[in-house]
Amino acid sequence: MQADALTIQADALTMQADALTMQADALTMQADALALQGIGKFNSLQINEML
């Protein structure tokens, strides 16, 4: 019984760790998206200056 409870706790901790990893990945993707938006705006300004 106690071993089963410990296994369930371990599984729960693993799922929490996985959730935190996914949150970190999502934040990384948001940062990448913001960087790409900035690059796009910068390129757009450069193109407008050339026209």
N, C-alpha and C. Protein backbone atom coordinates (compact mmCIF):
# COMPACT_ATOMS: atom_id res chain seq x y z
N MET A 1 0.81 -1.20 0.00
CA MET A 1 0.00 0.00 0.00
C MET A 1 0.85 1.26 0.00
N GLN A 2 1.85 1.30 0.90
CA GLN A 2 2.69 2.48 0.99
C GLN A 2 3.51 2.67 -0.28
N ALA A 3 3.93 1.57 -0.86
CA ALA A 3 4.69 1.64 -2.11
C ALA A 3 3.82 2.22 -3.22
N ASP A 4 2.55 1.82 -3.26
CA ASP A 4 1.63 2.36 -4.26
C ASP A 4 1.46 3.86 -4.09
N ALA A 5 1.33 4.31 -2.85
CA ALA A 5 1.17 5.74 -2.59
C ALA A 5 2.41 6.51 -3.02
N LEU A 6 3.58 5.93 -2.75
CA LEU A 6 4.82 6.59 -3.16
C LEU A 6 4.95 6.65 -4.67
N THR A 7 4.50 5.59 -5.34
CA THR A 7 4.52 5.58 -6.80
C THR A 7 3.61 6.66 -7.36
N ILE A 8 2.44 6.79 -6.76
CA ILE A 8 1.49 7.83 -7.21
C ILE A 8 2.09 9.22 -6.98
N GLN A 9 2.73 9.43 -5.83
CA GLN A 9 3.37 10.71 -5.56
C GLN A 9 4.49 10.99 -6.56
N ALA A 10 5.27 9.98 -6.85
CA ALA A 10 6.37 10.14 -7.81
C ALA A 10 5.80 10.49 -9.18
N ASP A 11 4.73 9.83 -9.57
CA ASP A 11 4.09 10.13 -10.86
C ASP A 11 3.58 11.56 -10.89
N ALA A 12 2.98 11.99 -9.78
CA ALA A 12 2.47 13.36 -9.71
C ALA A 12 3.60 14.38 -9.83
N LEU A 13 4.71 14.11 -9.17
CA LEU A 13 5.86 15.02 -9.26
C LEU A 13 6.43 15.05 -10.68
N THR A 14 6.44 13.89 -11.32
CA THR A 14 6.91 13.84 -12.70
C THR A 14 6.01 14.67 -13.60
N MET A 15 4.70 14.56 -13.39
CA MET A 15 3.77 15.36 -14.20
C MET A 15 3.94 16.85 -13.93
N GLN A 16 4.19 17.22 -12.67
CA GLN A 16 4.44 18.63 -12.36
C GLN A 16 5.70 19.12 -13.07
N ALA A 17 6.73 18.30 -13.04
CA ALA A 17 7.97 18.66 -13.72
C ALA A 17 7.74 18.82 -15.22
N ASP A 18 6.96 17.90 -15.80
CA ASP A 18 6.64 17.99 -17.22
C ASP A 18 5.87 19.27 -17.52
N ALA A 19 4.92 19.61 -16.65
CA ALA A 19 4.14 20.83 -16.84
C ALA A 19 5.03 22.07 -16.79
N LEU A 20 5.98 22.09 -15.85
CA LEU A 20 6.90 23.23 -15.76
C LEU A 20 7.79 23.32 -17.00
N THR A 21 8.20 22.18 -17.51
CA THR A 21 9.00 22.16 -18.73
C THR A 21 8.20 22.73 -19.90
N MET A 22 6.93 22.35 -19.99
CA MET A 22 6.08 22.87 -21.07
C MET A 22 5.86 24.37 -20.92
N GLN A 23 5.71 24.85 -19.68
CA GLN A 23 5.57 26.29 -19.46
C GLN A 23 6.83 27.02 -19.90
N ALA A 24 7.99 26.46 -19.57
CA ALA A 24 9.25 27.07 -19.98
C ALA A 24 9.36 27.10 -21.50
N ASP A 25 8.96 26.01 -22.14
CA ASP A 25 9.00 25.95 -23.60
C ASP A 25 8.06 27.01 -24.20
N ALA A 26 6.89 27.17 -23.60
CA ALA A 26 5.93 28.16 -24.10
C ALA A 26 6.51 29.57 -23.97
N LEU A 27 7.16 29.86 -22.84
CA LEU A 27 7.78 31.17 -22.65
C LEU A 27 8.89 31.40 -23.67
N THR A 28 9.66 30.35 -23.95
CA THR A 28 10.72 30.46 -24.96
C THR A 28 10.12 30.78 -26.33
N MET A 29 9.02 30.11 -26.66
CA MET A 29 8.37 30.37 -27.95
C MET A 29 7.81 31.79 -28.01
N GLN A 30 7.27 32.28 -26.89
CA GLN A 30 6.78 33.65 -26.86
C GLN A 30 7.93 34.63 -27.09
N ALA A 31 9.05 34.38 -26.43
CA ALA A 31 10.21 35.25 -26.61
C ALA A 31 10.70 35.21 -28.05
N ASP A 32 10.72 34.03 -28.64
CA ASP A 32 11.13 33.90 -30.04
C ASP A 32 10.17 34.67 -30.95
N ALA A 33 8.88 34.57 -30.66
CA ALA A 33 7.90 35.28 -31.48
C ALA A 33 8.09 36.79 -31.38
N LEU A 34 8.34 37.28 -30.16
CA LEU A 34 8.58 38.71 -29.99
C LEU A 34 9.84 39.15 -30.74
N ALA A 35 10.87 38.33 -30.67
CA ALA A 35 12.11 38.66 -31.39
C ALA A 35 11.86 38.72 -32.89
N LEU A 36 11.10 37.75 -33.40
CA LEU A 36 10.80 37.73 -34.84
C LEU A 36 9.96 38.94 -35.24
N GLN A 37 9.02 39.33 -34.36
CA GLN A 37 8.21 40.52 -34.65
C GLN A 37 9.11 41.75 -34.73
N GLY A 38 10.06 41.84 -33.79
CA GLY A 38 10.98 42.97 -33.80
C GLY A 38 11.82 43.00 -35.06
N ILE A 39 12.30 41.84 -35.48
CA ILE A 39 13.10 41.75 -36.71
C ILE A 39 12.24 42.16 -37.90
N GLY A 40 11.00 41.68 -37.92
CA GLY A 40 10.09 42.02 -39.02
C GLY A 40 9.83 43.52 -39.10
N LYS A 41 9.62 44.15 -37.95
CA LYS A 41 9.37 45.60 -37.94
C LYS A 41 10.61 46.36 -38.40
N PHE A 42 11.78 45.92 -37.91
CA PHE A 42 13.04 46.56 -38.31
C PHE A 42 13.24 46.44 -39.82
N ASN A 43 13.03 45.25 -40.36
CA ASN A 43 13.18 45.05 -41.81
C ASN A 43 12.19 45.89 -42.59
N SER A 44 10.96 46.00 -42.05
CA SER A 44 9.94 46.80 -42.72
C SER A 44 10.35 48.26 -42.77
N LEU A 45 10.91 48.76 -41.65
CA LEU A 45 11.37 50.15 -41.63
C LEU A 45 12.50 50.36 -42.64
N GLN A 46 13.41 49.41 -42.72
CA GLN A 46 14.53 49.53 -43.66
C GLN A 46 14.02 49.55 -45.11
N ILE A 47 13.05 48.70 -45.39
CA ILE A 47 12.49 48.65 -46.75
C ILE A 47 11.80 49.95 -47.07
N ASN A 48 11.04 50.50 -46.11
CA ASN A 48 10.35 51.76 -46.34
C ASN A 48 11.33 52.90 -46.59
N GLU A 49 12.48 52.87 -45.92
CA GLU A 49 13.50 53.90 -46.15
C GLU A 49 14.10 53.82 -47.54
N MET A 50 14.16 52.59 -48.07
CA MET A 50 14.76 52.40 -49.40
C MET A 50 13.80 52.83 -50.51
N LEU A 51 12.51 52.86 -50.20
CA LEU A 51 11.53 53.20 -51.26
C LEU A 51 11.43 54.68 -51.50
